[in-house]
Amino acid sequence: MSEESNTDDVLSKQALNALIMTSNGEYSEAATEWQNLANDVGEGQEGLKTLSLQNKAVCLVYTSHTTQARVLLDGLTEEQNMPHEVTFNLATLFELTAENARNLKLTLAQRLATHGASSMGNEKFNADFKL
């Protein structure tokens, strides 16, 4: 078995473990596991890292760490090939935690518009911003 294959198996098990913890409502433990997974991914696995950090942010919301979740998701919006789910989750978090959610979402939309469409086709849809 190759080293790359072995690493992929370890990451797959780690991701499955984090998913199980999340689905069982063990959000604090799951957040830690998602962070560990993000730390363990290698070069060329940026999508898995982004997914892991996004899931960590969701777990943080469930443990009332909304400020940390917001900072984490906001940081992910700077990624080159950010999936549109990050935008949707951040817009939802704005709605849950801020009285000026519409202004925050408009500012986010303006900032992301300067990034332009990525090579992965992750154009931002109006629905993502929930305006």
N, C-alpha and C. Protein backbone atom coordinates (compact mmCIF):
# COMPACT_ATOMS: atom_id res chain seq x y z
N MET A 1 0.84 -1.17 0.00
CA MET A 1 0.00 0.00 0.00
C MET A 1 0.89 1.24 0.00
N SER A 2 0.57 2.21 -0.84
CA SER A 2 1.40 3.41 -0.94
C SER A 2 1.15 4.33 0.25
N GLU A 3 2.11 5.20 0.49
CA GLU A 3 2.01 6.14 1.61
C GLU A 3 0.84 7.10 1.39
N GLU A 4 0.64 7.54 0.14
CA GLU A 4 -0.47 8.44 -0.18
C GLU A 4 -1.81 7.77 0.10
N SER A 5 -1.95 6.52 -0.29
CA SER A 5 -3.17 5.76 -0.05
C SER A 5 -3.42 5.60 1.44
N ASN A 6 -2.36 5.33 2.20
CA ASN A 6 -2.46 5.18 3.64
C ASN A 6 -2.91 6.48 4.29
N THR A 7 -2.34 7.60 3.83
CA THR A 7 -2.72 8.92 4.34
C THR A 7 -4.18 9.21 4.04
N ASP A 8 -4.63 8.89 2.82
CA ASP A 8 -6.03 9.09 2.46
C ASP A 8 -6.95 8.27 3.34
N ASP A 9 -6.56 7.05 3.66
CA ASP A 9 -7.37 6.20 4.55
C ASP A 9 -7.49 6.82 5.94
N VAL A 10 -6.39 7.33 6.45
CA VAL A 10 -6.38 7.97 7.77
C VAL A 10 -7.29 9.20 7.76
N LEU A 11 -7.18 10.02 6.71
CA LEU A 11 -8.01 11.21 6.61
C LEU A 11 -9.48 10.85 6.47
N SER A 12 -9.77 9.80 5.71
CA SER A 12 -11.16 9.36 5.55
C SER A 12 -11.74 8.90 6.89
N LYS A 13 -10.97 8.16 7.65
CA LYS A 13 -11.43 7.71 8.97
C LYS A 13 -11.62 8.90 9.91
N GLN A 14 -10.71 9.84 9.84
CA GLN A 14 -10.80 11.04 10.67
C GLN A 14 -12.06 11.84 10.32
N ALA A 15 -12.33 11.99 9.02
CA ALA A 15 -13.52 12.71 8.58
C ALA A 15 -14.80 11.99 9.00
N LEU A 16 -14.81 10.68 8.87
CA LEU A 16 -15.98 9.89 9.29
C LEU A 16 -16.21 10.03 10.79
N ASN A 17 -15.14 9.99 11.56
CA ASN A 17 -15.24 10.15 13.01
C ASN A 17 -15.82 11.52 13.35
N ALA A 18 -15.35 12.56 12.68
CA ALA A 18 -15.86 13.92 12.92
C ALA A 18 -17.33 14.03 12.54
N LEU A 19 -17.70 13.40 11.44
CA LEU A 19 -19.12 13.41 11.02
C LEU A 19 -20.00 12.70 12.04
N ILE A 20 -19.54 11.57 12.55
CA ILE A 20 -20.31 10.83 13.55
C ILE A 20 -20.48 11.66 14.81
N MET A 21 -19.40 12.29 15.27
CA MET A 21 -19.49 13.14 16.46
C MET A 21 -20.48 14.28 16.23
N THR A 22 -20.40 14.89 15.06
CA THR A 22 -21.31 15.99 14.74
C THR A 22 -22.75 15.51 14.74
N SER A 23 -23.01 14.39 14.09
CA SER A 23 -24.38 13.88 14.02
C SER A 23 -24.91 13.42 15.37
N ASN A 24 -24.01 13.06 16.28
CA ASN A 24 -24.41 12.66 17.63
C ASN A 24 -24.55 13.84 18.59
N GLY A 25 -24.32 15.05 18.08
CA GLY A 25 -24.45 16.24 18.91
C GLY A 25 -23.27 16.49 19.82
N GLU A 26 -22.16 15.85 19.56
CA GLU A 26 -20.93 16.05 20.34
C GLU A 26 -20.12 17.17 19.68
N TYR A 27 -20.69 18.38 19.73
CA TYR A 27 -20.16 19.48 18.94
C TYR A 27 -18.78 19.97 19.37
N SER A 28 -18.51 20.02 20.65
CA SER A 28 -17.19 20.46 21.10
C SER A 28 -16.11 19.50 20.63
N GLU A 29 -16.35 18.22 20.82
CA GLU A 29 -15.39 17.21 20.38
C GLU A 29 -15.26 17.19 18.86
N ALA A 30 -16.39 17.36 18.19
CA ALA A 30 -16.37 17.37 16.72
C ALA A 30 -15.59 18.57 16.20
N ALA A 31 -15.76 19.73 16.84
CA ALA A 31 -15.02 20.92 16.40
C ALA A 31 -13.51 20.67 16.48
N THR A 32 -13.09 20.03 17.55
CA THR A 32 -11.67 19.69 17.70
C THR A 32 -11.23 18.72 16.61
N GLU A 33 -12.05 17.72 16.34
CA GLU A 33 -11.71 16.73 15.32
C GLU A 33 -11.66 17.37 13.93
N TRP A 34 -12.61 18.29 13.65
CA TRP A 34 -12.58 18.98 12.34
C TRP A 34 -11.31 19.81 12.21
N GLN A 35 -10.89 20.46 13.30
CA GLN A 35 -9.66 21.25 13.26
C GLN A 35 -8.45 20.34 13.04
N ASN A 36 -8.42 19.20 13.73
CA ASN A 36 -7.33 18.25 13.55
C ASN A 36 -7.25 17.78 12.10
N LEU A 37 -8.41 17.50 11.52
CA LEU A 37 -8.43 17.07 10.13
C LEU A 37 -7.90 18.17 9.22
N ALA A 38 -8.33 19.40 9.45
CA ALA A 38 -7.84 20.52 8.64
C ALA A 38 -6.33 20.67 8.76
N ASN A 39 -5.81 20.42 9.94
CA ASN A 39 -4.36 20.51 10.16
C ASN A 39 -3.61 19.39 9.46
N ASP A 40 -4.26 18.23 9.30
CA ASP A 40 -3.59 17.05 8.76
C ASP A 40 -3.61 16.94 7.24
N VAL A 41 -4.47 17.70 6.58
CA VAL A 41 -4.55 17.57 5.12
C VAL A 41 -3.29 18.12 4.48
N GLY A 42 -2.94 17.52 3.39
CA GLY A 42 -1.72 17.91 2.70
C GLY A 42 -1.96 18.85 1.54
N GLU A 43 -0.89 19.15 0.87
CA GLU A 43 -0.96 20.00 -0.30
C GLU A 43 -1.83 19.34 -1.36
N GLY A 44 -2.63 20.15 -2.02
CA GLY A 44 -3.53 19.63 -3.04
C GLY A 44 -4.86 19.16 -2.47
N GLN A 45 -5.05 19.30 -1.17
CA GLN A 45 -6.30 18.88 -0.53
C GLN A 45 -7.00 20.07 0.12
N GLU A 46 -6.89 21.23 -0.52
CA GLU A 46 -7.45 22.46 0.04
C GLU A 46 -8.96 22.35 0.21
N GLY A 47 -9.62 21.63 -0.69
CA GLY A 47 -11.08 21.46 -0.58
C GLY A 47 -11.47 20.75 0.70
N LEU A 48 -10.71 19.73 1.08
CA LEU A 48 -10.98 19.00 2.32
C LEU A 48 -10.70 19.88 3.52
N LYS A 49 -9.68 20.69 3.42
CA LYS A 49 -9.37 21.61 4.53
C LYS A 49 -10.50 22.62 4.69
N THR A 50 -10.97 23.21 3.60
CA THR A 50 -12.07 24.17 3.66
C THR A 50 -13.33 23.53 4.21
N LEU A 51 -13.64 22.33 3.75
CA LEU A 51 -14.82 21.61 4.24
C LEU A 51 -14.70 21.35 5.74
N SER A 52 -13.53 20.95 6.18
CA SER A 52 -13.31 20.67 7.60
C SER A 52 -13.50 21.92 8.45
N LEU A 53 -12.94 23.02 7.99
CA LEU A 53 -13.05 24.27 8.75
C LEU A 53 -14.49 24.80 8.74
N GLN A 54 -15.17 24.61 7.63
CA GLN A 54 -16.57 25.02 7.57
C GLN A 54 -17.42 24.20 8.55
N ASN A 55 -17.17 22.92 8.61
CA ASN A 55 -17.89 22.06 9.55
C ASN A 55 -17.53 22.42 11.00
N LYS A 56 -16.28 22.79 11.22
CA LYS A 56 -15.89 23.24 12.56
C LYS A 56 -16.70 24.48 12.92
N ALA A 57 -16.85 25.40 11.99
CA ALA A 57 -17.61 26.63 12.25
C ALA A 57 -19.06 26.30 12.62
N VAL A 58 -19.66 25.34 11.94
CA VAL A 58 -21.03 24.94 12.28
C VAL A 58 -21.08 24.38 13.71
N CYS A 59 -20.11 23.58 14.06
CA CYS A 59 -20.05 23.04 15.43
C CYS A 59 -19.87 24.17 16.45
N LEU A 60 -19.08 25.17 16.10
CA LEU A 60 -18.90 26.31 17.00
C LEU A 60 -20.21 27.05 17.22
N VAL A 61 -21.03 27.16 16.18
CA VAL A 61 -22.33 27.81 16.33
C VAL A 61 -23.18 27.03 17.33
N TYR A 62 -23.17 25.72 17.22
CA TYR A 62 -23.97 24.88 18.12
C TYR A 62 -23.47 24.92 19.57
N THR A 63 -22.23 25.35 19.77
CA THR A 63 -21.70 25.46 21.13
C THR A 63 -21.65 26.92 21.58
N SER A 64 -22.40 27.77 20.89
CA SER A 64 -22.53 29.21 21.21
C SER A 64 -21.24 29.99 21.07
N HIS A 65 -20.34 29.53 20.25
CA HIS A 65 -19.11 30.27 19.95
C HIS A 65 -19.26 30.95 18.59
N THR A 66 -20.29 31.79 18.49
CA THR A 66 -20.64 32.39 17.20
C THR A 66 -19.57 33.36 16.69
N THR A 67 -18.91 34.06 17.60
CA THR A 67 -17.87 35.00 17.15
C THR A 67 -16.72 34.24 16.51
N GLN A 68 -16.30 33.13 17.13
CA GLN A 68 -15.23 32.31 16.53
C GLN A 68 -15.68 31.73 15.19
N ALA A 69 -16.93 31.30 15.11
CA ALA A 69 -17.45 30.74 13.86
C ALA A 69 -17.44 31.80 12.76
N ARG A 70 -17.84 33.00 13.12
CA ARG A 70 -17.89 34.09 12.15
C ARG A 70 -16.48 34.44 11.64
N VAL A 71 -15.53 34.51 12.53
CA VAL A 71 -14.14 34.81 12.14
C VAL A 71 -13.62 33.70 11.22
N LEU A 72 -13.90 32.46 11.57
CA LEU A 72 -13.43 31.32 10.77
C LEU A 72 -14.05 31.35 9.37
N LEU A 73 -15.37 31.51 9.28
CA LEU A 73 -16.02 31.55 7.97
C LEU A 73 -15.58 32.76 7.16
N ASP A 74 -15.42 33.90 7.83
CA ASP A 74 -14.97 35.09 7.12
C ASP A 74 -13.58 34.87 6.53
N GLY A 75 -12.72 34.19 7.28
CA GLY A 75 -11.40 33.87 6.76
C GLY A 75 -11.45 32.95 5.55
N LEU A 76 -12.42 32.04 5.55
CA LEU A 76 -12.55 31.12 4.42
C LEU A 76 -13.00 31.84 3.15
N THR A 77 -13.65 33.00 3.29
CA THR A 77 -14.09 33.73 2.10
C THR A 77 -12.90 34.27 1.30
N GLU A 78 -11.73 34.26 1.89
CA GLU A 78 -10.54 34.72 1.19
C GLU A 78 -9.90 33.62 0.35
N GLU A 79 -10.36 32.38 0.50
CA GLU A 79 -9.80 31.26 -0.26
C GLU A 79 -10.11 31.43 -1.74
N GLN A 80 -9.19 31.03 -2.57
CA GLN A 80 -9.33 31.18 -4.02
C GLN A 80 -10.53 30.42 -4.56
N ASN A 81 -10.69 29.18 -4.18
CA ASN A 81 -11.77 28.35 -4.72
C ASN A 81 -12.80 28.01 -3.64
N MET A 82 -13.24 29.03 -2.94
CA MET A 82 -14.19 28.84 -1.85
C MET A 82 -15.52 28.34 -2.38
N PRO A 83 -16.06 27.28 -1.76
CA PRO A 83 -17.39 26.81 -2.17
C PRO A 83 -18.46 27.81 -1.74
N HIS A 84 -19.53 27.89 -2.51
CA HIS A 84 -20.56 28.88 -2.20
C HIS A 84 -21.28 28.59 -0.88
N GLU A 85 -21.17 27.38 -0.36
CA GLU A 85 -21.77 27.07 0.93
C GLU A 85 -21.19 27.91 2.06
N VAL A 86 -19.93 28.29 1.93
CA VAL A 86 -19.30 29.14 2.94
C VAL A 86 -20.04 30.48 3.00
N THR A 87 -20.34 31.04 1.83
CA THR A 87 -21.06 32.30 1.77
C THR A 87 -22.44 32.16 2.39
N PHE A 88 -23.13 31.09 2.05
CA PHE A 88 -24.48 30.86 2.59
C PHE A 88 -24.42 30.73 4.11
N ASN A 89 -23.47 29.96 4.63
CA ASN A 89 -23.35 29.78 6.08
C ASN A 89 -23.00 31.08 6.78
N LEU A 90 -22.13 31.88 6.18
CA LEU A 90 -21.77 33.16 6.80
C LEU A 90 -22.97 34.11 6.79
N ALA A 91 -23.71 34.14 5.69
CA ALA A 91 -24.91 34.98 5.63
C ALA A 91 -25.93 34.55 6.68
N THR A 92 -26.08 33.26 6.87
CA THR A 92 -26.99 32.75 7.90
C THR A 92 -26.51 33.16 9.28
N LEU A 93 -25.22 33.08 9.52
CA LEU A 93 -24.66 33.47 10.81
C LEU A 93 -24.88 34.97 11.06
N PHE A 94 -24.74 35.79 10.02
CA PHE A 94 -25.03 37.21 10.16
C PHE A 94 -26.47 37.41 10.63
N GLU A 95 -27.40 36.66 10.02
CA GLU A 95 -28.82 36.78 10.38
C GLU A 95 -29.07 36.38 11.83
N LEU A 96 -28.35 35.39 12.29
CA LEU A 96 -28.56 34.89 13.64
C LEU A 96 -27.94 35.78 14.72
N THR A 97 -26.92 36.53 14.36
CA THR A 97 -26.14 37.20 15.40
C THR A 97 -26.03 38.71 15.28
N ALA A 98 -26.53 39.31 14.22
CA ALA A 98 -26.31 40.74 14.03
C ALA A 98 -27.61 41.46 13.68
N GLU A 99 -27.77 42.63 14.26
CA GLU A 99 -28.93 43.45 13.92
C GLU A 99 -28.78 44.08 12.55
N ASN A 100 -27.56 44.27 12.11
CA ASN A 100 -27.29 44.88 10.81
C ASN A 100 -26.89 43.82 9.78
N ALA A 101 -27.57 42.68 9.82
CA ALA A 101 -27.21 41.55 8.95
C ALA A 101 -27.23 41.94 7.48
N ARG A 102 -28.22 42.70 7.06
CA ARG A 102 -28.31 43.08 5.64
C ARG A 102 -27.06 43.87 5.22
N ASN A 103 -26.64 44.82 6.03
CA ASN A 103 -25.44 45.61 5.70
C ASN A 103 -24.20 44.73 5.67
N LEU A 104 -24.09 43.79 6.62
CA LEU A 104 -22.95 42.88 6.63
C LEU A 104 -22.92 42.02 5.37
N LYS A 105 -24.09 41.54 4.96
CA LYS A 105 -24.16 40.70 3.76
C LYS A 105 -23.85 41.51 2.50
N LEU A 106 -24.31 42.76 2.45
CA LEU A 106 -23.98 43.60 1.29
C LEU A 106 -22.48 43.87 1.21
N THR A 107 -21.87 44.13 2.36
CA THR A 107 -20.42 44.34 2.40
C THR A 107 -19.68 43.08 1.95
N LEU A 108 -20.14 41.92 2.42
CA LEU A 108 -19.54 40.65 1.99
C LEU A 108 -19.69 40.46 0.49
N ALA A 109 -20.88 40.74 -0.04
CA ALA A 109 -21.11 40.58 -1.48
C ALA A 109 -20.19 41.49 -2.28
N GLN A 110 -20.01 42.72 -1.82
CA GLN A 110 -19.11 43.65 -2.52
C GLN A 110 -17.67 43.15 -2.47
N ARG A 111 -17.26 42.67 -1.31
CA ARG A 111 -15.89 42.17 -1.17
C ARG A 111 -15.65 40.96 -2.07
N LEU A 112 -16.61 40.04 -2.10
CA LEU A 112 -16.44 38.85 -2.92
C LEU A 112 -16.52 39.15 -4.41
N ALA A 113 -17.26 40.19 -4.76
CA ALA A 113 -17.36 40.57 -6.18
C ALA A 113 -16.00 40.99 -6.71
N THR A 114 -15.15 41.52 -5.85
CA THR A 114 -13.81 41.93 -6.30
C THR A 114 -12.92 40.73 -6.58
N HIS A 115 -13.26 39.57 -5.97
CA HIS A 115 -12.49 38.35 -6.23
C HIS A 115 -12.75 37.81 -7.62
N GLY A 116 -13.96 38.01 -8.13
CA GLY A 116 -14.34 37.47 -9.42
C GLY A 116 -14.64 35.98 -9.32
N ALA A 117 -15.07 35.39 -10.41
CA ALA A 117 -15.39 33.96 -10.46
C ALA A 117 -14.11 33.16 -10.44
N SER A 118 -14.13 32.04 -9.76
CA SER A 118 -12.94 31.19 -9.69
C SER A 118 -12.91 30.24 -10.87
N SER A 119 -11.78 29.61 -11.04
CA SER A 119 -11.63 28.64 -12.11
C SER A 119 -12.48 27.39 -11.86
N MET A 120 -12.92 27.19 -10.62
CA MET A 120 -13.73 26.03 -10.29
C MET A 120 -15.22 26.28 -10.54
N GLY A 121 -15.58 27.48 -11.01
CA GLY A 121 -16.97 27.78 -11.29
C GLY A 121 -17.77 28.07 -10.03
N ASN A 122 -17.13 28.61 -9.03
CA ASN A 122 -17.82 28.90 -7.77
C ASN A 122 -18.36 30.33 -7.76
N GLU A 123 -19.07 30.70 -8.82
CA GLU A 123 -19.65 32.02 -8.86
C GLU A 123 -20.62 32.14 -7.69
N LYS A 124 -20.73 33.35 -7.18
CA LYS A 124 -21.62 33.56 -6.04
C LYS A 124 -23.02 33.83 -6.55
N PHE A 125 -23.99 33.15 -5.99
CA PHE A 125 -25.38 33.31 -6.39
C PHE A 125 -26.07 34.26 -5.41
N ASN A 126 -27.06 35.01 -5.90
CA ASN A 126 -27.79 35.92 -5.03
C ASN A 126 -28.38 35.19 -3.83
N ALA A 127 -28.83 33.98 -4.03
CA ALA A 127 -29.43 33.21 -2.94
C ALA A 127 -28.45 32.94 -1.81
N ASP A 128 -27.16 32.84 -2.12
CA ASP A 128 -26.15 32.61 -1.08
C ASP A 128 -26.15 33.74 -0.05
N PHE A 129 -26.40 34.95 -0.53
CA PHE A 129 -26.34 36.10 0.36
C PHE A 129 -27.66 36.34 1.08
N LYS A 130 -28.71 35.67 0.64
CA LYS A 130 -30.01 35.75 1.29
C LYS A 130 -30.45 37.21 1.46
N LEU A 131 -30.33 37.98 0.38
CA LEU A 131 -30.68 39.41 0.44
C LEU A 131 -32.13 39.66 0.10
